[in-house]
Amino acid sequence: WCTDLVSPMLQLLRFALAQQISPAGADEKFIFLSDVTLPLKPMPVIQAELGKHPSASDFCFLPTTWWFPLKTDNQTYKPVASQWSILSKKDAQTLLERMPEPRSDAPVSVPNVENTSWGDFEVVHCIDEGAIYSTLAGLFHLDRPGNSHLGAGELHYPEEFLQGCCRTLGFQQGHYTKEIDMEILHSWAQHTDLGRVMQSMLDEGCDLLQPVTNCPTCEIIWTVNSVNKICLNMMQRSAFLFMRKFPINASLPGFGEIFVM
């Protein structure tokens, strides 16, 4: 992470596209999931939901303050989105056409977008989270009426939380004191589905908190350490298809409890 996840992602795409699994002409989606992600719905439900928009891809954007600004123009940005995206077959093919072949001795090189190179931007976050979307859809221009898939410069994101959009339910919160974090969560729970799910799970006693290194008073909503069957039911009833981050020692309801839900 933050060095080069793009190269292995491209290799996975090449392998997946080469497989003749689906019938000829069938719609396909390519889903990137981390090793700490679990599905929240049965596979037929996931397939049916993603099949409603067969040509669409799903991206989870990070807060706009994390986007890469052009060094010479404060109106132009390289959008930053979570790696855990879902690509349509057309976008997967386009990405492979535009991205260079990975090399074992060097990180992936990002192709020029709209006559700009990677070096033209102030890099404020990981290259892994700035390469895929902009390679497919271009840059974001505040002074233009239309921006690829992004609309007309009217994007607004809560700056304190990340990665809780589109298909994957995931927590990532600013490193504040526990009291401030809870105030932020209470406000955010009134406006977003992710916030409501997070607040409800905490209210039910589920453990989603992780201590912050070098900050004894800080705990952030980050990992799914322990959930009961009520919280599991909340996750399953949400609009999200997947959820992260489950550590290897996460405490989950037993099969019997899940079965009777």
Protein backbone atom coordinates (compact mmCIF):
# COMPACT_ATOMS: atom_id res chain seq x y z
CA TRP A 1 0.00 0.00 0.00
CA CYS A 2 1.18 3.54 -0.84
CA THR A 3 4.09 2.16 -2.89
CA ASP A 4 2.57 0.19 -5.74
CA LEU A 5 -0.65 -1.78 -5.52
CA VAL A 6 -1.50 -0.84 -9.10
CA SER A 7 0.92 -3.29 -10.76
CA PRO A 8 -0.55 -6.43 -9.13
CA MET A 9 -4.05 -5.06 -9.72
CA LEU A 10 -3.28 -4.75 -13.43
CA GLN A 11 -1.90 -8.29 -13.48
CA LEU A 12 -5.06 -9.58 -11.81
CA LEU A 13 -7.14 -7.80 -14.45
CA ARG A 14 -5.09 -9.31 -17.27
CA PHE A 15 -5.55 -12.78 -15.86
CA ALA A 16 -9.27 -12.29 -15.20
CA LEU A 17 -9.99 -10.90 -18.66
CA ALA A 18 -8.16 -13.82 -20.23
CA GLN A 19 -10.46 -16.35 -18.57
CA GLN A 20 -13.36 -17.59 -20.70
CA ILE A 21 -15.75 -18.13 -17.79
CA SER A 22 -18.81 -16.08 -18.77
CA PRO A 23 -20.79 -16.78 -21.94
CA ALA A 24 -19.74 -14.74 -24.96
CA GLY A 25 -21.22 -11.25 -24.84
CA ALA A 26 -22.22 -11.48 -21.17
CA ASP A 27 -21.79 -8.45 -18.93
CA GLU A 28 -18.95 -8.77 -16.46
CA LYS A 29 -17.72 -6.79 -13.44
CA PHE A 30 -14.24 -6.88 -11.94
CA ILE A 31 -14.22 -6.33 -8.18
CA PHE A 32 -11.10 -5.45 -6.21
CA LEU A 33 -11.26 -6.59 -2.59
CA SER A 34 -8.61 -6.49 0.13
CA ASP A 35 -7.64 -9.49 2.24
CA VAL A 36 -9.64 -8.11 5.18
CA THR A 37 -12.91 -7.73 3.26
CA LEU A 38 -15.98 -9.96 3.54
CA PRO A 39 -19.19 -10.03 1.47
CA LEU A 40 -22.34 -8.80 3.21
CA LYS A 41 -24.77 -10.38 0.78
CA PRO A 42 -25.10 -13.79 -0.92
CA MET A 43 -23.42 -13.91 -4.32
CA PRO A 44 -26.72 -13.99 -6.27
CA VAL A 45 -27.75 -10.74 -4.55
CA ILE A 46 -24.39 -9.13 -5.36
CA GLN A 47 -24.66 -10.24 -8.99
CA ALA A 48 -28.21 -8.95 -9.30
CA GLU A 49 -27.32 -5.56 -7.78
CA LEU A 50 -24.25 -5.01 -9.95
CA GLY A 51 -26.17 -6.26 -12.98
CA LYS A 52 -28.63 -3.37 -12.72
CA HIS A 53 -26.00 -1.13 -14.30
CA PRO A 54 -23.89 -3.46 -16.46
CA SER A 55 -21.80 -0.72 -18.07
CA ALA A 56 -21.07 1.24 -14.89
CA SER A 57 -17.99 1.20 -12.69
CA ASP A 58 -18.01 2.10 -8.99
CA PHE A 59 -15.39 4.29 -7.33
CA CYS A 60 -15.11 5.42 -3.72
CA PHE A 61 -13.62 8.90 -3.67
CA LEU A 62 -11.47 10.16 -0.84
CA PRO A 63 -12.06 13.65 0.59
CA THR A 64 -11.32 16.45 -1.87
CA THR A 65 -8.59 17.77 0.43
CA TRP A 66 -6.64 14.61 -0.47
CA TRP A 67 -6.90 15.13 -4.23
CA PHE A 68 -3.71 16.04 -6.11
CA PRO A 69 -3.72 19.71 -7.24
CA LEU A 70 -1.91 20.79 -10.38
CA LYS A 71 1.15 22.78 -9.30
CA THR A 72 0.45 25.59 -11.76
CA ASP A 73 -3.35 25.71 -11.56
CA ASN A 74 -5.54 25.65 -8.45
CA GLN A 75 -8.57 24.77 -10.59
CA THR A 76 -7.32 21.38 -11.79
CA TYR A 77 -7.06 18.20 -9.72
CA LYS A 78 -6.24 14.53 -10.12
CA PRO A 79 -9.10 12.81 -8.23
CA VAL A 80 -8.16 10.29 -5.55
CA ALA A 81 -10.30 7.18 -5.09
CA SER A 82 -9.99 4.05 -3.01
CA GLN A 83 -8.31 1.09 -4.72
CA TRP A 84 -11.33 -1.05 -3.83
CA SER A 85 -13.26 -0.23 -6.97
CA ILE A 86 -15.54 -2.21 -9.25
CA LEU A 87 -14.82 -1.99 -12.96
CA SER A 88 -17.05 -2.73 -15.92
CA LYS A 89 -15.50 -4.93 -18.57
CA LYS A 90 -15.06 -1.95 -20.90
CA ASP A 91 -13.30 0.11 -18.22
CA ALA A 92 -11.11 -2.84 -17.27
CA GLN A 93 -10.02 -3.24 -20.89
CA THR A 94 -9.47 0.50 -21.30
CA LEU A 95 -7.35 0.64 -18.15
CA LEU A 96 -5.07 -2.12 -19.41
CA GLU A 97 -4.75 -0.39 -22.79
CA ARG A 98 -3.69 2.89 -21.19
CA MET A 99 -1.49 1.65 -18.36
CA PRO A 100 2.03 0.37 -19.11
CA GLU A 101 3.06 -3.22 -18.57
CA PRO A 102 4.25 -3.73 -14.95
CA ARG A 103 7.96 -4.21 -14.30
CA SER A 104 9.34 -6.27 -11.45
CA ASP A 105 12.19 -3.82 -10.82
CA ALA A 106 10.19 -0.56 -10.70
CA PRO A 107 6.83 0.82 -9.49
CA VAL A 108 4.14 1.35 -12.07
CA SER A 109 4.52 4.48 -14.19
CA VAL A 110 1.32 6.50 -14.50
CA PRO A 111 0.45 7.60 -18.05
CA ASN A 112 0.01 11.27 -18.88
CA VAL A 113 -3.56 12.54 -18.54
CA GLU A 114 -4.78 15.58 -20.47
CA ASN A 115 -1.22 16.59 -21.37
CA THR A 116 -0.08 16.46 -17.73
CA SER A 117 2.42 14.10 -16.15
CA TRP A 118 2.45 12.76 -12.59
CA GLY A 119 5.23 15.21 -11.74
CA ASP A 120 3.00 18.16 -12.56
CA PHE A 121 0.86 17.52 -9.47
CA GLU A 122 1.38 18.09 -5.77
CA VAL A 123 1.23 14.51 -4.45
CA VAL A 124 -0.67 14.68 -1.18
CA HIS A 125 -1.49 10.99 -0.89
CA CYS A 126 -0.63 7.58 -2.33
CA ILE A 127 -0.07 7.08 -6.02
CA ASP A 128 -2.09 3.85 -5.72
CA GLU A 129 -5.20 5.92 -5.03
CA GLY A 130 -4.62 8.51 -7.74
CA ALA A 131 -3.83 6.46 -10.82
CA ILE A 132 -6.78 4.29 -11.80
CA TYR A 133 -9.70 6.72 -11.90
CA SER A 134 -7.85 9.59 -13.59
CA THR A 135 -6.40 7.20 -16.17
CA LEU A 136 -9.94 6.18 -17.10
CA ALA A 137 -11.91 9.40 -16.70
CA GLY A 138 -9.47 12.31 -16.73
CA LEU A 139 -8.92 15.22 -14.39
CA PHE A 140 -11.34 17.32 -12.38
CA HIS A 141 -11.66 20.99 -13.34
CA LEU A 142 -13.41 23.36 -10.96
CA ASP A 143 -13.87 25.95 -13.69
CA ARG A 144 -15.57 23.66 -16.22
CA PRO A 145 -19.30 22.86 -16.44
CA GLY A 146 -18.72 19.14 -16.99
CA ASN A 147 -16.10 16.77 -15.61
CA SER A 148 -16.23 13.25 -17.03
CA HIS A 149 -18.27 11.19 -14.52
CA LEU A 150 -17.89 13.75 -11.77
CA GLY A 151 -20.63 16.25 -12.61
CA ALA A 152 -20.18 20.00 -12.55
CA GLY A 153 -17.83 20.80 -9.72
CA GLU A 154 -20.45 20.18 -7.07
CA LEU A 155 -18.73 17.41 -5.17
CA HIS A 156 -18.79 17.64 -1.41
CA TYR A 157 -17.31 15.04 0.93
CA PRO A 158 -17.19 14.84 4.72
CA GLU A 159 -13.54 15.47 5.45
CA GLU A 160 -13.41 13.37 8.64
CA PHE A 161 -14.37 10.00 7.17
CA LEU A 162 -13.17 8.03 4.19
CA GLN A 163 -13.96 4.91 2.21
CA GLY A 164 -17.59 4.60 3.21
CA CYS A 165 -19.13 5.16 -0.17
CA CYS A 166 -20.43 3.11 -3.10
CA ARG A 167 -20.31 -0.68 -2.57
CA THR A 168 -17.88 -1.26 0.28
CA LEU A 169 -18.67 -0.43 3.90
CA GLY A 170 -15.42 0.62 5.51
CA PHE A 171 -14.35 2.85 8.35
CA GLN A 172 -11.51 5.32 8.41
CA GLN A 173 -11.64 8.27 10.73
CA GLY A 174 -9.46 11.24 11.57
CA HIS A 175 -6.99 10.85 14.44
CA TYR A 176 -8.71 12.99 17.06
CA THR A 177 -9.60 12.38 20.68
CA LYS A 178 -12.39 9.90 21.32
CA GLU A 179 -14.73 12.73 22.39
CA ILE A 180 -14.20 14.69 19.18
CA ASP A 181 -14.55 11.56 17.06
CA MET A 182 -17.89 10.76 18.67
CA GLU A 183 -19.13 14.32 18.04
CA ILE A 184 -18.13 14.01 14.38
CA LEU A 185 -19.82 10.62 14.10
CA HIS A 186 -23.05 11.90 15.68
CA SER A 187 -23.21 14.72 13.14
CA TRP A 188 -22.31 12.48 10.23
CA ALA A 189 -24.84 9.83 11.23
CA GLN A 190 -27.60 12.34 10.52
CA HIS A 191 -26.57 12.74 6.88
CA THR A 192 -25.11 9.51 5.50
CA ASP A 193 -25.92 5.81 5.36
CA LEU A 194 -22.42 4.89 6.48
CA GLY A 195 -22.66 7.21 9.48
CA ARG A 196 -26.00 5.72 10.50
CA VAL A 197 -24.68 2.16 10.26
CA MET A 198 -21.56 3.05 12.21
CA GLN A 199 -23.50 4.83 14.95
CA SER A 200 -26.03 2.00 15.26
CA MET A 201 -23.32 -0.63 15.51
CA LEU A 202 -21.52 1.29 18.25
CA ASP A 203 -24.81 1.75 20.09
CA GLU A 204 -25.28 -2.02 20.03
CA GLY A 205 -21.90 -2.56 21.68
CA CYS A 206 -19.92 -3.69 18.65
CA ASP A 207 -16.17 -3.04 18.85
CA LEU A 208 -15.01 -0.92 15.91
CA LEU A 209 -12.32 1.11 17.66
CA GLN A 210 -8.59 0.96 17.31
CA PRO A 211 -6.01 2.81 19.43
CA VAL A 212 -3.79 5.33 17.68
CA THR A 213 -0.03 4.97 18.01
CA ASN A 214 1.57 7.72 20.12
CA CYS A 215 -1.81 9.08 21.18
CA PRO A 216 -3.05 7.50 24.45
CA THR A 217 -6.39 9.35 24.34
CA CYS A 218 -7.16 8.56 20.69
CA GLU A 219 -9.34 5.77 19.37
CA ILE A 220 -10.52 5.76 15.78
CA ILE A 221 -13.31 3.85 14.08
CA TRP A 222 -11.17 1.62 11.90
CA THR A 223 -11.48 -2.16 12.27
CA VAL A 224 -14.30 -4.64 12.89
CA ASN A 225 -12.89 -6.28 15.99
CA SER A 226 -16.10 -7.77 17.36
CA VAL A 227 -19.72 -7.82 16.20
CA ASN A 228 -22.82 -9.54 17.55
CA LYS A 229 -25.66 -10.91 15.46
CA ILE A 230 -27.62 -7.64 15.75
CA CYS A 231 -24.73 -5.69 14.23
CA LEU A 232 -24.24 -8.36 11.59
CA ASN A 233 -27.90 -8.01 10.68
CA MET A 234 -27.44 -4.22 10.39
CA MET A 235 -24.57 -4.72 7.98
CA GLN A 236 -26.52 -7.19 5.90
CA ARG A 237 -29.55 -4.90 5.71
CA SER A 238 -27.48 -1.92 4.60
CA ALA A 239 -27.09 -0.99 0.95
CA PHE A 240 -23.44 -2.05 0.97
CA LEU A 241 -22.29 -5.28 -0.70
CA PHE A 242 -18.93 -5.73 1.06
CA MET A 243 -17.31 -4.66 4.30
CA ARG A 244 -13.76 -4.06 5.53
CA LYS A 245 -11.63 -4.21 7.71
CA PHE A 246 -11.91 -7.57 9.53
CA PRO A 247 -8.67 -8.48 11.35
CA ILE A 248 -7.72 -12.15 11.41
CA ASN A 249 -8.81 -12.46 15.05
CA ALA A 250 -12.17 -10.69 14.62
CA SER A 251 -14.95 -12.06 16.81
CA LEU A 252 -18.05 -12.91 14.75
CA PRO A 253 -21.29 -14.75 15.53
CA GLY A 254 -21.13 -18.51 15.18
CA PHE A 255 -22.68 -20.35 12.26
CA GLY A 256 -25.70 -21.33 14.35
CA GLU A 257 -26.43 -17.71 15.26
CA ILE A 258 -26.06 -16.58 11.66
CA PHE A 259 -28.24 -19.41 10.38
CA VAL A 260 -31.21 -18.47 12.55
CA MET A 261 -31.05 -14.79 11.61
